[in-house]
Amino acid sequence: MSGKPFDHPTKPELAILKLLWPGDDLSARNIHDAIADDFSWSYSTVRTVLERMSEKGLISKYARDGVNYYGSEVTKVSVLGRMIADFSTRVLELDRAPAAAFFSDSKLLSETELDELEAMLRKAEDQ
């Protein structure tokens, strides 16, 4: 990990990334419809958050048939790995992040992603 602080995605940004991580690019309307109940946001608020996420490099944006579509620019493993490593050292004051096996019951991570996470956490630990 680099020496600069990791800018964690906010709760809404993480919810949007979770929608995009399966690989399907979504329109702002699709995203709004999926998270509207959780955040009680207007459509314009969702578009503002999407623009900010695009500026941060978290997502990409492209137009197709006059509609903007969004896709993830960060992988699930990279975001979760950095969040886990940061939380482990900064909050829990651990010398090392927990093994990825700790997250084996996660509905969000596949076996392959758990292996990638384990490698990322160990690499961060060595740096």
Protein backbone atom coordinates (compact mmCIF):
# COMPACT_ATOMS: atom_id res chain seq x y z
CA MET A 1 0.00 0.00 0.00
CA SER A 2 1.13 3.51 -0.68
CA GLY A 3 2.05 5.92 2.06
CA LYS A 4 -0.90 8.22 1.38
CA PRO A 5 -4.14 7.63 3.30
CA PHE A 6 -6.77 5.46 1.66
CA ASP A 7 -9.95 7.36 0.86
CA HIS A 8 -12.63 4.86 1.82
CA PRO A 9 -15.77 4.80 -0.26
CA THR A 10 -18.73 6.19 1.66
CA LYS A 11 -21.63 3.90 2.53
CA PRO A 12 -23.62 5.00 -0.56
CA GLU A 13 -20.54 4.74 -2.79
CA LEU A 14 -19.95 1.21 -1.53
CA ALA A 15 -23.59 0.32 -2.22
CA ILE A 16 -23.18 1.59 -5.79
CA LEU A 17 -19.91 -0.30 -6.25
CA LYS A 18 -21.60 -3.50 -5.05
CA LEU A 19 -24.18 -3.02 -7.81
CA LEU A 20 -21.44 -2.54 -10.41
CA TRP A 21 -18.97 -5.23 -9.30
CA PRO A 22 -20.81 -8.11 -10.97
CA GLY A 23 -19.73 -6.47 -14.23
CA ASP A 24 -22.91 -5.05 -15.69
CA ASP A 25 -22.74 -1.36 -16.47
CA LEU A 26 -25.84 0.39 -15.21
CA SER A 27 -27.62 3.64 -15.97
CA ALA A 28 -28.18 6.25 -13.30
CA ARG A 29 -31.87 5.29 -13.34
CA ASN A 30 -31.02 1.61 -12.71
CA ILE A 31 -28.75 2.60 -9.83
CA HIS A 32 -31.32 5.00 -8.38
CA ASP A 33 -34.03 2.34 -8.49
CA ALA A 34 -31.76 -0.17 -6.73
CA ILE A 35 -30.71 2.10 -3.85
CA ALA A 36 -33.66 4.49 -3.54
CA ASP A 37 -35.21 2.68 -0.58
CA ASP A 38 -31.91 2.44 1.30
CA PHE A 39 -30.95 6.10 1.02
CA SER A 40 -34.19 7.96 0.26
CA TRP A 41 -32.38 9.98 -2.38
CA SER A 42 -33.79 11.79 -5.35
CA TYR A 43 -32.63 10.86 -8.82
CA SER A 44 -30.59 14.08 -9.03
CA THR A 45 -28.76 13.22 -5.79
CA VAL A 46 -27.80 9.83 -7.22
CA ARG A 47 -26.48 11.51 -10.37
CA THR A 48 -24.42 13.91 -8.23
CA VAL A 49 -22.91 11.01 -6.27
CA LEU A 50 -22.16 9.19 -9.53
CA GLU A 51 -20.37 12.27 -10.90
CA ARG A 52 -18.26 12.55 -7.74
CA MET A 53 -17.42 8.85 -7.88
CA SER A 54 -16.36 9.28 -11.50
CA GLU A 55 -14.12 12.23 -10.54
CA LYS A 56 -12.55 10.09 -7.79
CA GLY A 57 -11.81 7.34 -10.30
CA LEU A 58 -14.07 4.80 -8.61
CA ILE A 59 -16.33 4.43 -11.63
CA SER A 60 -16.28 5.14 -15.33
CA LYS A 61 -19.02 6.85 -17.32
CA TYR A 62 -19.93 6.59 -20.97
CA ALA A 63 -22.93 7.54 -23.06
CA ARG A 64 -24.90 5.08 -25.17
CA ASP A 65 -28.04 6.08 -27.05
CA GLY A 66 -28.20 9.33 -25.07
CA VAL A 67 -28.07 7.57 -21.69
CA ASN A 68 -25.07 7.64 -19.32
CA TYR A 69 -23.89 4.24 -18.12
CA TYR A 70 -21.54 3.58 -15.23
CA GLY A 71 -19.06 0.79 -14.55
CA SER A 72 -16.66 0.05 -11.74
CA GLU A 73 -13.05 1.17 -12.15
CA VAL A 74 -11.93 -0.48 -8.89
CA THR A 75 -12.09 -4.16 -8.12
CA LYS A 76 -13.98 -5.58 -5.20
CA VAL A 77 -10.83 -7.19 -3.80
CA SER A 78 -8.73 -4.02 -4.04
CA VAL A 79 -11.32 -1.90 -2.22
CA LEU A 80 -12.14 -4.48 0.46
CA GLY A 81 -8.49 -5.40 0.96
CA ARG A 82 -7.48 -1.78 1.53
CA MET A 83 -10.42 -1.21 3.87
CA ILE A 84 -9.59 -4.37 5.87
CA ALA A 85 -5.88 -3.56 6.09
CA ASP A 86 -6.57 0.04 7.11
CA PHE A 87 -9.15 -0.95 9.74
CA SER A 88 -6.86 -3.65 11.13
CA THR A 89 -3.93 -1.29 11.67
CA ARG A 90 -5.60 2.06 12.32
CA VAL A 91 -8.56 0.99 14.42
CA LEU A 92 -7.66 -2.39 15.89
CA GLU A 93 -3.93 -1.58 16.12
CA LEU A 94 -3.02 -5.02 14.80
CA ASP A 95 0.44 -5.65 13.37
CA ARG A 96 -1.15 -7.62 10.54
CA ALA A 97 -4.52 -7.91 8.87
CA PRO A 98 -6.60 -11.00 9.62
CA ALA A 99 -6.32 -13.91 7.20
CA ALA A 100 -8.81 -13.82 4.35
CA ALA A 101 -10.22 -17.10 5.69
CA PHE A 102 -11.85 -14.94 8.35
CA PHE A 103 -14.18 -13.69 5.60
CA SER A 104 -14.97 -17.11 4.12
CA ASP A 105 -18.66 -16.82 5.07
CA SER A 106 -19.02 -13.57 3.13
CA LYS A 107 -21.76 -13.62 0.51
CA LEU A 108 -19.85 -10.92 -1.35
CA LEU A 109 -16.61 -12.85 -2.03
CA SER A 110 -16.05 -15.93 -4.18
CA GLU A 111 -13.32 -18.47 -3.42
CA THR A 112 -11.12 -16.91 -6.10
CA GLU A 113 -11.67 -13.44 -4.64
CA LEU A 114 -10.83 -14.75 -1.16
CA ASP A 115 -7.54 -16.07 -2.56
CA GLU A 116 -6.85 -12.69 -4.18
CA LEU A 117 -7.71 -10.93 -0.92
CA GLU A 118 -5.36 -13.18 1.03
CA ALA A 119 -2.52 -12.40 -1.38
CA MET A 120 -3.25 -8.66 -1.21
CA LEU A 121 -3.36 -8.61 2.59
CA ARG A 122 -0.08 -10.51 2.84
CA LYS A 123 1.57 -8.23 0.28
CA ALA A 124 0.41 -5.15 2.19
CA GLU A 125 1.74 -6.69 5.38
CA ASP A 126 5.19 -7.17 3.81
CA GLN A 127 5.42 -3.53 2.73
